[in-house]
Protein backbone atom coordinates (compact mmCIF):
# COMPACT_ATOMS: atom_id res chain seq x y z
CA MET A 1 0.00 0.00 0.00
CA GLY A 2 2.87 2.37 0.87
CA LYS A 3 4.43 1.73 -2.54
CA ARG A 4 1.23 2.62 -4.40
CA THR A 5 0.90 5.78 -2.34
CA GLY A 6 4.40 6.79 -3.29
CA ILE A 7 3.71 6.28 -7.00
CA TRP A 8 0.47 8.29 -6.72
CA GLN A 9 2.30 11.11 -4.94
CA SER A 10 5.00 11.16 -7.60
CA ALA A 11 2.41 11.44 -10.39
CA THR A 12 0.60 14.23 -8.53
CA ASP A 13 3.85 16.11 -8.04
CA ALA A 14 4.66 15.73 -11.76
CA ARG A 15 1.30 17.15 -12.80
CA ALA A 16 1.69 20.08 -10.40
CA PHE A 17 5.13 20.75 -11.80
CA VAL A 18 3.76 20.83 -15.40
CA VAL A 19 0.99 23.26 -14.39
CA LEU A 20 3.53 25.50 -12.66
CA ILE A 21 5.77 25.54 -15.74
CA PHE A 22 2.73 26.43 -17.92
CA LEU A 23 1.75 29.32 -15.65
CA ILE A 24 5.29 30.67 -15.63
CA ALA A 25 5.41 30.49 -19.43
CA ALA A 26 2.02 32.17 -19.79
CA LEU A 27 2.76 34.98 -17.31
CA PRO A 28 4.31 37.38 -19.88
CA CYS A 29 1.25 36.94 -22.11
CA LEU A 30 -1.10 37.62 -19.22
CA LEU A 31 0.88 40.72 -18.30
CA LEU A 32 0.84 41.86 -21.94
CA VAL A 33 -2.95 41.59 -22.08
CA GLU A 34 -3.24 43.55 -18.84
CA THR A 35 -0.80 46.21 -20.11
CA ALA A 36 -2.63 46.52 -23.42
CA ALA A 37 -5.85 47.27 -21.57
CA GLN A 38 -4.19 49.96 -19.49
CA GLU A 39 -5.00 53.54 -20.55
CA LEU A 40 -2.76 56.37 -19.45
CA PRO A 41 -2.79 60.08 -20.36
CA ARG A 42 -0.73 61.17 -23.34
CA GLN A 43 1.77 64.00 -23.26
CA SER A 44 0.47 64.98 -26.69
CA ALA A 45 -3.31 64.72 -26.56
CA LEU A 46 -5.17 62.75 -29.22
CA ALA A 47 -7.59 64.90 -31.23
CA ILE A 48 -10.24 64.33 -33.88
CA THR A 49 -11.37 67.23 -36.06
CA LYS A 50 -14.41 66.55 -38.25
CA GLN A 51 -16.08 68.87 -40.75
CA LYS A 52 -18.96 68.34 -43.16
CA VAL A 53 -18.41 70.26 -46.41
CA GLY A 54 -21.62 70.07 -48.40
CA LEU A 55 -22.38 66.34 -48.16
CA THR A 56 -18.78 65.23 -47.57
CA ASP A 57 -17.39 64.33 -44.14
CA ILE A 58 -13.68 65.10 -43.70
CA THR A 59 -11.98 63.82 -40.55
CA LEU A 60 -8.47 64.49 -39.20
CA THR A 61 -7.04 62.31 -36.40
CA PHE A 62 -3.77 63.53 -34.88
CA GLY A 63 -1.63 63.95 -31.79
CA ARG A 64 -1.31 67.53 -30.48
CA PRO A 65 2.20 68.36 -29.21
CA ASN A 66 2.83 71.55 -27.23
CA VAL A 67 5.63 74.06 -27.65
CA ARG A 68 6.40 73.69 -23.90
CA GLY A 69 8.78 76.62 -23.62
CA ARG A 70 10.57 75.82 -26.88
CA LYS A 71 9.44 78.92 -28.76
CA GLY A 72 11.82 79.56 -31.64
CA LYS A 73 13.13 76.01 -31.43
CA ILE A 74 10.38 74.11 -33.22
CA TRP A 75 10.96 74.68 -36.93
CA GLY A 76 14.37 73.58 -38.14
CA LYS A 77 15.28 72.13 -34.74
CA LEU A 78 12.66 69.94 -33.05
CA ILE A 79 11.10 69.50 -36.49
CA PRO A 80 14.06 69.40 -38.90
CA TYR A 81 13.76 71.03 -42.28
CA ASP A 82 13.82 68.82 -45.39
CA GLN A 83 12.76 65.73 -43.43
CA LEU A 84 9.49 63.82 -43.30
CA TRP A 85 7.31 64.88 -40.35
CA ARG A 86 4.20 63.11 -39.06
CA ALA A 87 2.28 66.43 -38.83
CA GLY A 88 1.50 65.75 -35.21
CA ALA A 89 2.70 63.38 -32.50
CA ASN A 90 2.63 59.67 -31.67
CA GLU A 91 0.79 57.67 -34.40
CA CYS A 92 0.79 59.03 -37.92
CA THR A 93 -1.76 61.75 -38.57
CA THR A 94 -4.63 60.59 -40.78
CA ILE A 95 -7.22 62.27 -42.98
CA GLU A 96 -10.42 60.60 -44.16
CA ALA A 97 -12.92 61.80 -46.77
CA SER A 98 -16.31 60.18 -47.26
CA THR A 99 -16.41 61.13 -50.98
CA ASP A 100 -13.92 62.00 -53.68
CA ILE A 101 -12.50 65.49 -53.14
CA ILE A 102 -10.03 67.92 -54.69
CA PHE A 103 -7.20 68.30 -52.19
CA GLY A 104 -4.82 71.16 -52.85
CA GLY A 105 -5.81 71.14 -56.51
CA LYS A 106 -5.41 67.37 -57.00
CA LYS A 107 -8.02 64.62 -57.13
CA LEU A 108 -8.20 62.46 -54.02
CA PRO A 109 -10.42 59.34 -53.99
CA ALA A 110 -12.66 58.78 -50.99
CA GLY A 111 -10.85 56.93 -48.21
CA ARG A 112 -8.42 57.23 -45.31
CA TYR A 113 -4.80 58.32 -45.69
CA SER A 114 -1.78 59.05 -43.53
CA PHE A 115 -0.78 62.73 -43.62
CA PHE A 116 2.86 63.86 -43.73
CA VAL A 117 4.66 67.16 -44.25
CA VAL A 118 8.19 67.99 -45.35
CA PRO A 119 8.87 71.51 -44.00
CA ARG A 120 11.58 73.67 -45.54
CA LYS A 121 13.43 76.76 -44.41
CA LYS A 122 12.77 78.45 -47.75
CA GLY A 123 10.18 77.84 -50.43
CA THR A 124 7.15 75.58 -50.29
CA TRP A 125 6.42 72.71 -47.94
CA THR A 126 5.44 69.31 -49.33
CA VAL A 127 2.24 67.69 -48.06
CA ILE A 128 2.04 63.94 -48.66
CA LEU A 129 -0.95 61.60 -48.39
CA ASN A 130 -0.11 57.91 -48.17
CA THR A 131 -2.29 54.78 -48.10
CA ASP A 132 -0.55 53.21 -45.06
CA THR A 133 -2.51 54.46 -42.03
CA GLN A 134 -1.06 52.07 -39.41
CA LEU A 135 2.34 53.71 -38.98
CA TRP A 136 3.89 54.94 -35.76
CA GLY A 137 4.96 58.41 -36.80
CA THR A 138 7.07 58.09 -39.94
CA GLU A 139 8.45 54.68 -39.02
CA GLY A 140 7.98 52.27 -41.94
CA TYR A 141 6.92 55.02 -44.38
CA ASP A 142 7.10 53.87 -48.01
CA ASN A 143 6.88 56.55 -50.70
CA LYS A 144 5.66 53.93 -53.16
CA LYS A 145 2.35 54.05 -51.27
CA ASP A 146 1.94 57.80 -51.72
CA THR A 147 -1.41 58.79 -53.21
CA LEU A 148 -0.56 62.42 -53.86
CA ARG A 149 1.90 65.21 -53.09
CA ILE A 150 1.19 68.92 -53.14
CA GLU A 151 3.31 72.00 -52.55
CA VAL A 152 2.02 74.58 -50.06
CA LYS A 153 3.54 77.92 -49.13
CA PRO A 154 3.92 78.30 -45.34
CA GLU A 155 2.64 81.45 -43.65
CA LYS A 156 3.61 83.27 -40.46
CA THR A 157 0.91 83.22 -37.79
CA HIS A 158 0.25 84.29 -34.21
CA PHE A 159 1.80 82.07 -31.56
CA ILE A 160 0.08 78.67 -31.27
CA GLU A 161 1.04 76.66 -28.20
CA THR A 162 -0.68 73.41 -29.17
CA LEU A 163 -0.60 72.03 -32.72
CA VAL A 164 -3.98 72.35 -34.40
CA PHE A 165 -5.85 71.30 -37.52
CA PHE A 166 -9.03 73.22 -38.27
CA PHE A 167 -11.32 74.20 -41.15
CA ASP A 168 -12.11 77.73 -42.28
CA ALA A 169 -13.88 79.51 -45.16
CA ILE A 170 -16.47 76.72 -45.32
CA SER A 171 -19.20 76.74 -47.96
CA THR A 172 -21.37 74.04 -49.51
CA ASP A 173 -18.61 73.02 -51.91
CA GLU A 174 -15.26 74.13 -50.50
CA ALA A 175 -13.21 74.77 -47.37
CA SER A 176 -9.68 75.51 -46.24
CA LEU A 177 -7.83 72.97 -44.09
CA ILE A 178 -5.33 74.73 -41.83
CA LEU A 179 -2.42 73.19 -39.92
CA GLY A 180 -0.79 75.55 -37.44
CA TRP A 181 1.87 75.30 -34.75
CA GLU A 182 4.14 77.75 -32.96
CA SER A 183 4.77 80.52 -35.52
CA LYS A 184 3.83 78.89 -38.83
CA ARG A 185 0.80 77.52 -40.61
CA ILE A 186 -0.14 76.02 -43.96
CA VAL A 187 -3.50 76.39 -45.71
CA ILE A 188 -4.77 73.67 -48.05
CA PRO A 189 -7.82 74.37 -50.26
CA ILE A 190 -10.38 71.58 -50.54
CA GLN A 191 -13.22 71.34 -53.07
CA VAL A 192 -16.09 68.85 -53.17
CA ASP A 193 -18.61 68.11 -55.92
CA THR A 194 -21.65 68.63 -53.72
CA VAL A 195 -24.11 68.93 -56.61
CA LYS A 196 -23.11 65.49 -57.89
CA TYR A 197 -23.85 63.81 -54.56
CA ALA A 198 -26.96 65.92 -53.93
CA LEU A 199 -28.38 64.78 -57.26
CA LYS A 200 -27.75 61.16 -56.30
CA ASN A 201 -29.66 61.72 -53.07
CA ILE A 202 -32.49 63.44 -54.95
CA GLU A 203 -32.76 60.60 -57.47
CA LYS A 204 -32.87 58.07 -54.64
CA ALA A 205 -35.56 60.03 -52.77
CA ILE A 206 -37.72 60.38 -55.91
CA GLU A 207 -37.35 56.67 -56.63
CA GLU A 208 -38.39 55.76 -53.08
CA ARG A 209 -41.20 58.37 -52.72
CA PRO A 210 -42.41 59.31 -56.23
CA GLU A 211 -45.74 60.67 -54.92
CA ASP A 212 -44.26 62.87 -52.18
CA TRP A 213 -44.64 66.48 -53.36
CA GLN A 214 -42.23 67.73 -50.69
CA VAL A 215 -39.39 65.68 -52.19
CA TYR A 216 -39.87 67.54 -55.48
CA VAL A 217 -40.19 71.01 -53.99
CA ARG A 218 -37.11 70.58 -51.79
CA SER A 219 -35.19 69.29 -54.79
CA ALA A 220 -36.33 72.25 -56.90
CA ASP A 221 -35.35 74.67 -54.14
CA TYR A 222 -31.81 73.24 -54.02
CA LEU A 223 -31.23 72.82 -57.74
CA ARG A 224 -32.55 76.19 -58.96
CA ALA A 225 -29.10 77.80 -58.66
CA TYR A 226 -27.46 75.02 -60.68
CA ASP A 227 -30.07 73.78 -63.17
CA PRO A 228 -33.12 76.11 -63.32
CA GLU A 229 -34.76 74.09 -66.10
CA LYS A 230 -34.74 70.86 -64.10
CA ALA A 231 -35.71 72.74 -60.94
CA LEU A 232 -38.74 74.20 -62.74
CA GLU A 233 -39.77 70.70 -63.85
CA TRP A 234 -39.68 69.48 -60.25
CA ALA A 235 -41.59 72.54 -58.97
CA ASN A 236 -44.34 71.82 -61.51
CA GLN A 237 -44.45 68.18 -60.42
CA ALA A 238 -44.81 69.28 -56.79
CA ILE A 239 -47.79 71.48 -57.79
CA ARG A 240 -49.40 68.62 -59.73
CA LEU A 241 -49.12 66.41 -56.64
CA HIS A 242 -50.28 69.06 -54.15
CA ALA A 243 -51.72 72.27 -55.58
CA GLU A 244 -52.97 73.76 -52.34
CA HIS A 245 -49.76 74.82 -50.64
CA PHE A 246 -47.78 78.05 -51.08
CA TRP A 247 -44.27 76.56 -51.06
CA ALA A 248 -44.13 75.02 -54.55
CA TYR A 249 -45.67 78.14 -56.15
CA TRP A 250 -43.15 80.36 -54.38
CA ILE A 251 -40.15 78.26 -55.47
CA LYS A 252 -41.54 78.21 -59.01
CA ALA A 253 -41.92 82.01 -58.92
CA GLU A 254 -38.29 82.47 -57.87
CA ILE A 255 -37.08 80.11 -60.63
CA LEU A 256 -39.12 82.00 -63.23
CA ALA A 257 -37.63 85.28 -62.00
CA LEU A 258 -34.15 83.82 -62.44
CA ASN A 259 -35.14 83.11 -66.05
CA ARG A 260 -36.35 86.75 -66.33
CA ASP A 261 -39.97 85.63 -66.87
CA TYR A 262 -41.25 88.22 -64.41
CA ALA A 263 -44.92 88.11 -65.47
CA ALA A 264 -45.11 84.38 -64.77
CA ALA A 265 -43.12 84.91 -61.57
CA VAL A 266 -45.70 87.44 -60.32
CA GLU A 267 -48.56 85.10 -61.23
CA ASN A 268 -47.10 82.21 -59.22
CA ALA A 269 -46.10 84.47 -56.34
CA GLN A 270 -49.71 85.62 -56.10
CA LYS A 271 -50.84 81.98 -55.95
CA ALA A 272 -48.27 81.35 -53.22
CA LEU A 273 -49.64 84.34 -51.29
CA PHE A 274 -53.23 83.13 -51.73
CA TRP A 275 -52.57 79.61 -50.39
CA GLY A 276 -50.33 80.88 -47.62
CA LEU A 277 -52.96 83.28 -46.35
CA LYS A 278 -55.67 80.66 -46.67
CA GLU A 279 -53.70 78.25 -44.52
CA ALA A 280 -52.19 80.60 -41.94
CA GLY A 281 -54.33 83.72 -42.18
CA GLU A 282 -52.82 87.07 -41.28
CA GLN A 283 -50.04 85.24 -39.42
CA PHE A 284 -48.60 83.83 -42.66
CA PRO A 285 -44.85 84.37 -42.04
CA TYR A 286 -43.84 84.80 -45.71
CA ARG A 287 -46.50 87.39 -46.50
CA GLN A 288 -44.27 90.48 -46.33
CA LYS A 289 -41.46 88.82 -48.28
CA ILE A 290 -43.75 87.66 -51.09
CA GLU A 291 -45.63 90.97 -51.33
CA SER A 292 -42.36 92.89 -51.42
CA GLN A 293 -40.96 90.65 -54.16
CA ILE A 294 -44.15 90.96 -56.25
CA GLU A 295 -43.74 94.76 -56.16
CA VAL A 296 -40.17 94.43 -57.42
CA TRP A 297 -41.01 91.98 -60.19
CA GLU A 298 -43.91 94.13 -61.38
CA THR A 299 -41.45 96.93 -62.18
CA PHE A 300 -39.70 94.86 -64.84
């Protein structure tokens, strides 16, 4: 009996030893998982700047380093001239566009790109967009993956402590992307073909709701500045579907005035006034505007 107990004990000890060895081997992996889940504050804060231009979403993701008392020592020193710079801190800066855009005068397909800059002491700076968005800074950068390069003239600016990307001069089809830090900034013009994507949305809405008069009148209202003939067609369709509302008549009147058909514009404006007053009475909010415009058109 004592012999069997000794054999059993030896086997138990062997199994315990194997388990111990396994745990020791797995410990680095367990620590790695724990470390990966650990979140600590960054010295250079992570930022996301998002802007809708027309129907296009443009998003910048970047680290924001500070000057930290190094005024006059950023450009040409901390950020060397004539060398690739990540345009931020930590991971590579990225830019993402939800549709095709014109970036600095060059076509850029919709998608996400890493964003680099080569600053220079004199002359223009080179802005580079690259398809590899998983880089740490510039490490592993491959110029064969560049999508485009543009040249941008740097400008002097007021002191900026923390690096910033922001959008300015925003309209329905263009904006300026600005990168600024310390004493310098660059401005990159961006254009989007908003009409193209708006027309796609209009076509989809008409296909899905062909009997909805509001789809047609909203479409006419938008398109009148770009295609008055098509806009007039949609305004007429809105009236055919719902002839007892002021809105379609008023949009039609404005389109006709754009075409210099002032008599027809007055006629439709009067119909708009009639239906507006019938629905809202003396509280009709567009009454003064329509009456004033009728007086103007009647002078032509």
